C-alpha atoms as a PDB file:
ATOM      1  CA  MET A   1      30.740  -9.653  12.818  1.00  0.00           C
ATOM      2  CA  LYS A   2      30.260  -6.585  15.092  1.00  0.00           C
ATOM      3  CA  ARG A   3      32.132  -4.370  12.612  1.00  0.00           C
ATOM      4  CA  SER A   4      29.840  -5.484   9.791  1.00  0.00           C
ATOM      5  CA  PHE A   5      26.748  -4.666  11.826  1.00  0.00           C
ATOM      6  CA  VAL A   6      27.968  -1.225  12.713  1.00  0.00           C
ATOM      7  CA  PHE A   7      28.784  -0.552   9.060  1.00  0.00           C
ATOM      8  CA  ILE A   8      25.339  -1.661   7.886  1.00  0.00           C
ATOM      9  CA  PHE A   9      23.593   0.431  10.591  1.00  0.00           C
ATOM     10  CA  PHE A  10      25.744   3.470   9.739  1.00  0.00           C
ATOM     11  CA  PHE A  11      24.874   3.031   6.016  1.00  0.00           C
ATOM     12  CA  VAL A  12      21.155   2.886   6.829  1.00  0.00           C
ATOM     13  CA  LEU A  13      21.315   6.037   8.874  1.00  0.00           C
ATOM     14  CA  ILE A  14      23.079   7.890   6.032  1.00  0.00           C
ATOM     15  CA  PHE A  15      20.498   6.638   3.537  1.00  0.00           C
ATOM     16  CA  SER A  16      17.596   7.677   5.687  1.00  0.00           C
ATOM     17  CA  CYS A  17      18.898  11.249   6.059  1.00  0.00           C
ATOM     18  CA  LYS A  18      20.218  11.811   2.520  1.00  0.00           C
ATOM     19  CA  GLU A  19      19.207  14.911   0.601  1.00  0.00           C
ATOM     20  CA  ASN A  20      16.777  14.933  -2.349  1.00  0.00           C
ATOM     21  CA  THR A  21      17.977  13.569  -5.629  1.00  0.00           C
ATOM     22  CA  ASN A  22      16.586  14.983  -8.877  1.00  0.00           C
ATOM     23  CA  ILE A  23      16.206  12.567 -11.739  1.00  0.00           C
ATOM     24  CA  LYS A  24      15.165  14.131 -15.076  1.00  0.00           C
ATOM     25  CA  ASN A  25      13.154  12.294 -17.677  1.00  0.00           C
ATOM     26  CA  ASP A  26      11.204  13.164 -20.825  1.00  0.00           C
ATOM     27  CA  ASN A  27       8.063  14.455 -19.076  1.00  0.00           C
ATOM     28  CA  ASN A  28       8.436  15.146 -15.349  1.00  0.00           C
ATOM     29  CA  GLN A  29      11.277  15.775 -12.996  1.00  0.00           C
ATOM     30  CA  ILE A  30      11.392  12.912 -10.436  1.00  0.00           C
ATOM     31  CA  ILE A  31      12.522  13.917  -6.947  1.00  0.00           C
ATOM     32  CA  GLU A  32      13.667  11.012  -4.799  1.00  0.00           C
ATOM     33  CA  ASN A  33      14.218  11.119  -1.104  1.00  0.00           C
ATOM     34  CA  ALA A  34      13.763   8.978   2.002  1.00  0.00           C
ATOM     35  CA  LEU A  35      12.271   9.314   5.466  1.00  0.00           C
ATOM     36  CA  SER A  36      12.825   7.006   8.487  1.00  0.00           C
ATOM     37  CA  PHE A  37      10.770   5.935  11.504  1.00  0.00           C
ATOM     38  CA  LYS A  38      12.173   4.350  14.614  1.00  0.00           C
ATOM     39  CA  LEU A  39      10.012   1.434  15.510  1.00  0.00           C
ATOM     40  CA  GLY A  40      11.194  -0.121  18.804  1.00  0.00           C
ATOM     41  CA  ASP A  41      14.837  -0.947  17.984  1.00  0.00           C
ATOM     42  CA  SER A  42      14.181  -1.111  14.194  1.00  0.00           C
ATOM     43  CA  LEU A  43      14.584   1.646  11.635  1.00  0.00           C
ATOM     44  CA  ILE A  44      11.983   1.614   8.864  1.00  0.00           C
ATOM     45  CA  ILE A  45      12.714   3.430   5.698  1.00  0.00           C
ATOM     46  CA  PHE A  46      10.226   4.991   3.356  1.00  0.00           C
ATOM     47  CA  LYS A  47      11.571   5.695  -0.154  1.00  0.00           C
ATOM     48  CA  ILE A  48       9.594   8.544  -1.771  1.00  0.00           C
ATOM     49  CA  TYR A  49       9.487   9.495  -5.471  1.00  0.00           C
ATOM     50  CA  SER A  50       7.659  12.721  -6.363  1.00  0.00           C
ATOM     51  CA  SER A  51       6.527  13.314  -9.943  1.00  0.00           C
ATOM     52  CA  GLY A  52       4.665  16.379 -11.000  1.00  0.00           C
ATOM     53  CA  THR A  53       2.292  18.328  -8.723  1.00  0.00           C
ATOM     54  CA  GLY A  54      -0.619  15.896  -8.368  1.00  0.00           C
ATOM     55  CA  ASN A  55      -1.999  14.909  -4.932  1.00  0.00           C
ATOM     56  CA  ILE A  56      -2.247  11.192  -5.733  1.00  0.00           C
ATOM     57  CA  ILE A  57      -0.120   8.987  -3.483  1.00  0.00           C
ATOM     58  CA  TYR A  58       0.794   5.562  -4.735  1.00  0.00           C
ATOM     59  CA  PHE A  59       1.664   3.473  -1.660  1.00  0.00           C
ATOM     60  CA  ASN A  60       3.402   0.116  -1.416  1.00  0.00           C
ATOM     61  CA  LEU A  61       3.026  -1.292   2.110  1.00  0.00           C
ATOM     62  CA  HIS A  62       4.625  -4.751   1.793  1.00  0.00           C
ATOM     63  CA  ASP A  63       8.330  -4.907   1.072  1.00  0.00           C
ATOM     64  CA  ASP A  64       8.099  -8.323  -0.614  1.00  0.00           C
ATOM     65  CA  GLU A  65       5.643  -7.126  -3.287  1.00  0.00           C
ATOM     66  CA  ASN A  66       8.230  -6.040  -5.758  1.00  0.00           C
ATOM     67  CA  THR A  67       6.198  -6.301  -8.953  1.00  0.00           C
ATOM     68  CA  ALA A  68       3.976  -3.431  -7.767  1.00  0.00           C
ATOM     69  CA  VAL A  69       7.003  -1.188  -7.170  1.00  0.00           C
ATOM     70  CA  GLU A  70       8.713  -2.138 -10.422  1.00  0.00           C
ATOM     71  CA  ALA A  71       5.518  -1.378 -12.353  1.00  0.00           C
ATOM     72  CA  ALA A  72       5.139   2.034 -10.779  1.00  0.00           C
ATOM     73  CA  GLU A  73       8.797   2.978 -11.090  1.00  0.00           C
ATOM     74  CA  ASN A  74       8.798   2.092 -14.762  1.00  0.00           C
ATOM     75  CA  ILE A  75       6.139   4.695 -15.490  1.00  0.00           C
ATOM     76  CA  LEU A  76       6.931   7.470 -13.009  1.00  0.00           C
ATOM     77  CA  ASN A  77       7.418   9.882 -15.933  1.00  0.00           C
ATOM     78  CA  LYS A  78       3.786   9.251 -16.918  1.00  0.00           C
ATOM     79  CA  ILE A  79       2.078   9.702 -13.601  1.00  0.00           C
ATOM     80  CA  THR A  80       1.665  12.721 -11.295  1.00  0.00           C
ATOM     81  CA  GLY A  81       1.895  12.522  -7.536  1.00  0.00           C
ATOM     82  CA  LYS A  82       4.065  10.498  -5.196  1.00  0.00           C
ATOM     83  CA  LEU A  83       5.168   6.835  -4.959  1.00  0.00           C
ATOM     84  CA  ILE A  84       6.014   5.734  -1.363  1.00  0.00           C
ATOM     85  CA  GLU A  85       7.720   2.419  -0.929  1.00  0.00           C
ATOM     86  CA  ILE A  86       8.293   0.847   2.509  1.00  0.00           C
ATOM     87  CA  LYS A  87      11.608  -0.753   3.107  1.00  0.00           C
ATOM     88  CA  ALA A  88      11.502  -3.522   5.746  1.00  0.00           C
ATOM     89  CA  SER A  89      14.248  -6.044   5.038  1.00  0.00           C
ATOM     90  CA  GLY A  90      12.477  -7.315   1.969  1.00  0.00           C
ATOM     91  CA  GLU A  91       9.833  -9.118   4.029  1.00  0.00           C
ATOM     92  CA  ARG A  92       6.011  -8.847   4.153  1.00  0.00           C
ATOM     93  CA  LEU A  93       6.006  -8.565   7.989  1.00  0.00           C
ATOM     94  CA  ILE A  94       7.694  -5.953  10.083  1.00  0.00           C
ATOM     95  CA  SER A  95       9.519  -7.017  13.269  1.00  0.00           C
ATOM     96  CA  PHE A  96      10.812  -5.009  16.184  1.00  0.00           C
ATOM     97  CA  ASN A  97      12.115  -5.642  19.741  1.00  0.00           C
ATOM     98  CA  ILE A  98      11.105  -4.181  23.007  1.00  0.00           C
ATOM     99  CA  ASP A  99      13.664  -5.176  25.651  1.00  0.00           C
ATOM    100  CA  THR A 100      13.960  -8.945  25.039  1.00  0.00           C
ATOM    101  CA  SER A 101      10.625  -9.447  23.369  1.00  0.00           C
ATOM    102  CA  VAL A 102      10.252  -9.735  19.570  1.00  0.00           C
ATOM    103  CA  TYR A 103       7.057  -8.539  17.889  1.00  0.00           C
ATOM    104  CA  LYS A 104       5.797  -8.955  14.387  1.00  0.00           C
ATOM    105  CA  PHE A 105       2.869  -7.502  12.381  1.00  0.00           C
ATOM    106  CA  ASP A 106       1.449  -7.046   8.924  1.00  0.00           C
ATOM    107  CA  PRO A 107       1.811  -3.305   8.086  1.00  0.00           C
ATOM    108  CA  ASN A 108      -1.564  -3.405   6.299  1.00  0.00           C
ATOM    109  CA  ARG A 109      -3.378  -4.528   9.439  1.00  0.00           C
ATOM    110  CA  ILE A 110      -2.542  -1.719  11.864  1.00  0.00           C
ATOM    111  CA  PHE A 111      -4.911   1.176  11.126  1.00  0.00           C
ATOM    112  CA  THR A 112      -7.568   0.205  13.669  1.00  0.00           C
ATOM    113  CA  PRO A 113      -7.317  -1.086  17.252  1.00  0.00           C
ATOM    114  CA  ALA A 114      -8.952  -4.410  16.336  1.00  0.00           C
ATOM    115  CA  GLY A 115      -6.564  -4.877  13.400  1.00  0.00           C
ATOM    116  CA  ARG A 116      -3.428  -4.125  15.512  1.00  0.00           C
ATOM    117  CA  LYS A 117      -4.467  -6.586  18.193  1.00  0.00           C
ATOM    118  CA  ALA A 118      -5.259  -9.328  15.751  1.00  0.00           C
ATOM    119  CA  THR A 119      -2.046  -8.975  13.693  1.00  0.00           C
ATOM    120  CA  LEU A 120       0.171  -8.842  16.806  1.00  0.00           C
ATOM    121  CA  GLU A 121      -1.509 -11.960  18.218  1.00  0.00           C
ATOM    122  CA  ARG A 122      -1.259 -13.763  14.926  1.00  0.00           C
ATOM    123  CA  TYR A 123       2.441 -13.207  14.271  1.00  0.00           C
ATOM    124  CA  SER A 124       3.854 -12.773  17.802  1.00  0.00           C
ATOM    125  CA  LYS A 125       1.993 -11.670  20.868  1.00  0.00           C
ATOM    126  CA  TYR A 126      -0.152  -8.700  21.967  1.00  0.00           C
ATOM    127  CA  THR A 127       0.855  -6.323  24.717  1.00  0.00           C
ATOM    128  CA  GLN A 128      -0.371  -2.737  25.360  1.00  0.00           C
ATOM    129  CA  GLN A 129       3.229  -1.535  25.027  1.00  0.00           C
ATOM    130  CA  ALA A 130       3.625  -3.172  21.608  1.00  0.00           C
ATOM    131  CA  ASP A 131       0.206  -1.878  20.559  1.00  0.00           C
ATOM    132  CA  SER A 132       1.288   1.681  21.516  1.00  0.00           C
ATOM    133  CA  VAL A 133       4.472   1.369  19.393  1.00  0.00           C
ATOM    134  CA  VAL A 134       2.643   0.016  16.361  1.00  0.00           C
ATOM    135  CA  GLU A 135      -0.158   2.651  16.724  1.00  0.00           C
ATOM    136  CA  LYS A 136       2.401   5.434  16.500  1.00  0.00           C
ATOM    137  CA  PHE A 137       3.745   3.888  13.396  1.00  0.00           C
ATOM    138  CA  ALA A 138       0.284   3.742  11.922  1.00  0.00           C
ATOM    139  CA  LEU A 139      -0.389   7.382  12.801  1.00  0.00           C
ATOM    140  CA  TYR A 140       2.883   8.349  11.153  1.00  0.00           C
ATOM    141  CA  ILE A 141       1.703   6.774   7.924  1.00  0.00           C
ATOM    142  CA  THR A 142      -1.871   8.259   7.964  1.00  0.00           C
ATOM    143  CA  ASP A 143      -1.131  11.689   9.549  1.00  0.00           C
ATOM    144  CA  THR A 144       2.270  12.445   8.002  1.00  0.00           C
ATOM    145  CA  LEU A 145       2.975  10.355   4.900  1.00  0.00           C
ATOM    146  CA  LEU A 146      -0.548  10.328   3.603  1.00  0.00           C
ATOM    147  CA  GLN A 147      -1.829  13.589   5.156  1.00  0.00           C
ATOM    148  CA  ASN A 148      -2.135  15.577   1.941  1.00  0.00           C
ATOM    149  CA  ALA A 149      -3.334  12.722  -0.298  1.00  0.00           C
ATOM    150  CA  GLY A 150      -6.305  13.556  -2.393  1.00  0.00           C
ATOM    151  CA  ILE A 151      -6.444   9.903  -3.509  1.00  0.00           C
ATOM    152  CA  ILE A 152      -4.553   6.995  -1.964  1.00  0.00           C
ATOM    153  CA  VAL A 153      -3.676   4.231  -4.509  1.00  0.00           C
ATOM    154  CA  ALA A 154      -2.379   1.186  -2.786  1.00  0.00           C
ATOM    155  CA  LEU A 155      -0.134  -1.163  -4.799  1.00  0.00           C
ATOM    156  CA  HIS A 156      -0.252  -4.872  -3.914  1.00  0.00           C
ATOM    157  CA  ASN A 157       0.687  -8.237  -5.363  1.00  0.00           C
ATOM    158  CA  ASN A 158      -0.769 -11.705  -4.851  1.00  0.00           C
ATOM    159  CA  THR A 159       0.069 -15.209  -5.831  1.00  0.00           C
ATOM    160  CA  ALA A 160      -1.714 -17.383  -8.385  1.00  0.00           C
ATOM    161  CA  ASP A 161      -5.028 -18.828  -7.162  1.00  0.00           C
ATOM    162  CA  ASN A 162      -4.509 -17.619  -3.600  1.00  0.00           C
ATOM    163  CA  TYR A 163      -6.397 -14.302  -3.534  1.00  0.00           C
ATOM    164  CA  SER A 164      -8.386 -12.764  -6.405  1.00  0.00           C
ATOM    165  CA  ILE A 165     -11.521 -10.993  -7.479  1.00  0.00           C
ATOM    166  CA  LEU A 166     -13.236 -14.397  -7.054  1.00  0.00           C
ATOM    167  CA  SER A 167     -12.646 -14.115  -3.363  1.00  0.00           C
ATOM    168  CA  TYR A 168     -15.363 -11.415  -3.298  1.00  0.00           C
ATOM    169  CA  ALA A 169     -17.847 -13.025  -5.671  1.00  0.00           C
ATOM    170  CA  GLN A 170     -20.918 -14.869  -4.304  1.00  0.00           C
ATOM    171  CA  GLY A 171     -19.742 -17.807  -2.274  1.00  0.00           C
ATOM    172  CA  GLY A 172     -16.174 -16.345  -1.987  1.00  0.00           C
ATOM    173  CA  LYS A 173     -14.287 -16.140   1.279  1.00  0.00           C
ATOM    174  CA  TYR A 174     -14.774 -12.347   1.465  1.00  0.00           C
ATOM    175  CA  ALA A 175     -18.032 -11.976  -0.335  1.00  0.00           C
ATOM    176  CA  SER A 176     -19.658 -10.216   2.656  1.00  0.00           C
ATOM    177  CA  ASP A 177     -17.080  -7.402   2.432  1.00  0.00           C
ATOM    178  CA  ALA A 178     -18.163  -6.344  -1.095  1.00  0.00           C
ATOM    179  CA  ALA A 179     -21.089  -4.144  -2.030  1.00  0.00           C
ATOM    180  CA  GLN A 180     -20.638  -4.809  -5.783  1.00  0.00           C
ATOM    181  CA  VAL A 181     -18.343  -6.958  -7.859  1.00  0.00           C
ATOM    182  CA  HIS A 182     -17.601  -6.726 -11.582  1.00  0.00           C
ATOM    183  CA  ILE A 183     -15.742  -9.680 -13.169  1.00  0.00           C
ATOM    184  CA  ASN A 184     -14.465  -9.743 -16.692  1.00  0.00           C
ATOM    185  CA  PRO A 185     -14.086 -13.534 -17.523  1.00  0.00           C
ATOM    186  CA  GLN A 186     -11.540 -12.624 -20.200  1.00  0.00           C
ATOM    187  CA  LEU A 187      -9.084 -11.276 -17.593  1.00  0.00           C
ATOM    188  CA  ASP A 188      -6.929 -13.009 -15.051  1.00  0.00           C
ATOM    189  CA  PRO A 189      -8.943 -12.893 -11.810  1.00  0.00           C
ATOM    190  CA  ASP A 190      -5.750 -12.272  -9.883  1.00  0.00           C
ATOM    191  CA  ASN A 191      -5.509  -8.778 -11.423  1.00  0.00           C
ATOM    192  CA  PHE A 192      -8.224  -6.525 -10.033  1.00  0.00           C
ATOM    193  CA  PHE A 193      -9.074  -3.222  -8.434  1.00  0.00           C
ATOM    194  CA  TYR A 194     -10.459  -2.732  -4.918  1.00  0.00           C
ATOM    195  CA  VAL A 195     -12.155   0.575  -4.246  1.00  0.00           C
ATOM    196  CA  THR A 196     -14.147   2.304  -1.549  1.00  0.00           C
ATOM    197  CA  GLN A 197     -16.193   4.709  -3.639  1.00  0.00           C
ATOM    198  CA  ASP A 198     -19.095   4.192  -6.123  1.00  0.00           C
ATOM    199  CA  ASP A 199     -17.660   6.573  -8.755  1.00  0.00           C
ATOM    200  CA  PHE A 200     -14.351   4.699  -8.958  1.00  0.00           C
ATOM    201  CA  TYR A 201     -16.256   1.452  -9.307  1.00  0.00           C
ATOM    202  CA  GLU A 202     -18.387   2.681 -12.178  1.00  0.00           C
ATOM    203  CA  LYS A 203     -15.514   4.152 -14.103  1.00  0.00           C
ATOM    204  CA  ILE A 204     -13.192   1.161 -13.657  1.00  0.00           C
ATOM    205  CA  SER A 205     -15.889  -1.350 -14.523  1.00  0.00           C
ATOM    206  CA  LYS A 206     -16.743   0.602 -17.675  1.00  0.00           C
ATOM    207  CA  LYS A 207     -13.089   0.198 -18.739  1.00  0.00           C
ATOM    208  CA  GLY A 208     -13.639  -3.553 -18.546  1.00  0.00           C
ATOM    209  CA  TYR A 209     -11.446  -4.306 -15.553  1.00  0.00           C
ATOM    210  CA  ASN A 210     -12.123  -6.666 -12.605  1.00  0.00           C
ATOM    211  CA  VAL A 211     -13.217  -4.402  -9.754  1.00  0.00           C
ATOM    212  CA  LEU A 212     -15.036  -4.664  -6.423  1.00  0.00           C
ATOM    213  CA  LEU A 213     -16.601  -1.977  -4.256  1.00  0.00           C
ATOM    214  CA  GLN A 214     -16.004  -2.328  -0.580  1.00  0.00           C
ATOM    215  CA  ASP A 215     -19.122  -2.278   1.607  1.00  0.00           C
ATOM    216  CA  ASN A 216     -17.921   0.390   3.995  1.00  0.00           C
ATOM    217  CA  SER A 217     -20.768  -0.216   6.480  1.00  0.00           C
ATOM    218  CA  LYS A 218     -20.307  -4.002   6.734  1.00  0.00           C
ATOM    219  CA  VAL A 219     -16.653  -4.739   5.797  1.00  0.00           C
ATOM    220  CA  THR A 220     -14.749  -6.823   8.377  1.00  0.00           C
ATOM    221  CA  ASP A 221     -12.554  -4.665  10.584  1.00  0.00           C
ATOM    222  CA  ASP A 222      -9.138  -6.207   9.832  1.00  0.00           C
ATOM    223  CA  GLY A 223      -7.200  -3.006  10.291  1.00  0.00           C
ATOM    224  CA  SER A 224      -6.347  -2.595   6.617  1.00  0.00           C
ATOM    225  CA  LEU A 225      -5.862   0.766   4.923  1.00  0.00           C
ATOM    226  CA  SER A 226      -9.058   0.178   2.897  1.00  0.00           C
ATOM    227  CA  VAL A 227     -11.104  -0.222   6.072  1.00  0.00           C
ATOM    228  CA  TYR A 228      -9.548   2.931   7.569  1.00  0.00           C
ATOM    229  CA  CYS A 229     -10.226   4.970   4.338  1.00  0.00           C
ATOM    230  CA  GLY A 230     -13.714   3.591   4.072  1.00  0.00           C
ATOM    231  CA  THR A 231     -14.480   4.720   7.652  1.00  0.00           C
ATOM    232  CA  LYS A 232     -12.875   8.182   7.168  1.00  0.00           C
ATOM    233  CA  GLY A 233     -14.364   8.832   3.651  1.00  0.00           C
ATOM    234  CA  ILE A 234     -10.934   8.973   2.041  1.00  0.00           C
ATOM    235  CA  LYS A 235     -10.690   8.212  -1.639  1.00  0.00           C
ATOM    236  CA  TYR A 236      -8.937   4.882  -1.936  1.00  0.00           C
ATOM    237  CA  ILE A 237      -8.015   2.390  -4.716  1.00  0.00           C
ATOM    238  CA  ASN A 238      -6.073  -0.821  -4.427  1.00  0.00           C
ATOM    239  CA  ILE A 239      -4.387  -2.028  -7.613  1.00  0.00           C
ATOM    240  CA  GLU A 240      -3.957  -5.727  -7.026  1.00  0.00           C
ATOM    241  CA  ALA A 241      -1.917  -7.863  -9.505  1.00  0.00           C
ATOM    242  CA  GLN A 242      -0.363 -11.282  -9.525  1.00  0.00           C
ATOM    243  CA  LYS A 243       3.349 -11.419  -8.748  1.00  0.00           C
ATOM    244  CA  GLY A 244       5.274 -11.141 -12.016  1.00  0.00           C
ATOM    245  CA  HIS A 245       2.400  -9.424 -13.874  1.00  0.00           C
ATOM    246  CA  THR A 246       4.398  -6.199 -14.291  1.00  0.00           C
ATOM    247  CA  GLN A 247       2.893  -5.102 -17.645  1.00  0.00           C
ATOM    248  CA  GLN A 248      -0.666  -5.776 -16.420  1.00  0.00           C
ATOM    249  CA  GLN A 249      -0.077  -3.727 -13.249  1.00  0.00           C
ATOM    250  CA  LYS A 250       1.559  -0.847 -15.308  1.00  0.00           C
ATOM    251  CA  ALA A 251      -1.539  -0.784 -17.512  1.00  0.00           C
ATOM    252  CA  MET A 252      -3.859  -0.711 -14.444  1.00  0.00           C
ATOM    253  CA  ILE A 253      -1.881   2.177 -12.921  1.00  0.00           C
ATOM    254  CA  LEU A 254      -2.087   4.144 -16.129  1.00  0.00           C
ATOM    255  CA  ALA A 255      -5.850   3.463 -16.341  1.00  0.00           C
ATOM    256  CA  ILE A 256      -6.315   5.034 -12.931  1.00  0.00           C
ATOM    257  CA  GLN A 257      -4.117   7.913 -13.882  1.00  0.00           C
ATOM    258  CA  ASP A 258      -6.326   8.435 -16.931  1.00  0.00           C
ATOM    259  CA  ILE A 259      -9.547   8.278 -14.896  1.00  0.00           C
ATOM    260  CA  ILE A 260      -8.232  10.770 -12.318  1.00  0.00           C
ATOM    261  CA  SER A 261      -6.730  13.212 -14.833  1.00  0.00           C
ATOM    262  CA  THR A 262      -9.830  13.215 -17.044  1.00  0.00           C
ATOM    263  CA  LYS A 263     -12.337  14.045 -14.353  1.00  0.00           C
ATOM    264  CA  THR A 264     -12.103  14.501 -10.597  1.00  0.00           C
ATOM    265  CA  VAL A 265     -13.938  11.696  -8.808  1.00  0.00           C
ATOM    266  CA  ASP A 266     -16.606  13.022  -6.481  1.00  0.00           C
END
């Protein structure tokens, strides 16, 4: 058992330090590489695909949301920018050890102090030492991986009837977080856009998609990337689709690519 562990760890280290790989396709050259971050005793890998010269970063934060990654990877030759995929043992939560204590957190709840405290308390326990470790991880994402992003496009998946655009409609669980909501009754409510800027909201709603505009002044501080971007004035879009709806999520990604390439959003 010890030999297997050493081999796996050695393989991960080689993978995290590998050199760029060029993948040619019909339109753009895709450059693939990987970066690693030491989180307590855990090594977190970020797979990065670069396509073209755009400053859009498509970001997948949850390692169990594979439909989102599959959709983006299938159309890398049609988009410009980067796709960053987090690798964390195929699970939604990330865990790490400090001495003999095990900590767990949701990687999309770490971008504010309140969010980090809440997610550590929910999934394990909160200590100042654990908070410091997770804060460094959050800063690595925002200040290194996403530093040069002109637009951040988060890629997420949900499950049927669990979380949808209806969650933000009047009477919905998160209605107070939304400034505006556009619902197309002909579309699956599980497939929707979540944005932080008026211009995105207008353009996406005109294309007939489900979309909501975050109320940046009143949104609940849950530590999510949307809250962080809303506070910092960073252009942010979340493309949310039901698990297994690969074709729908591909169409949504291409719709955003079209909006961005046609006219810069103010």
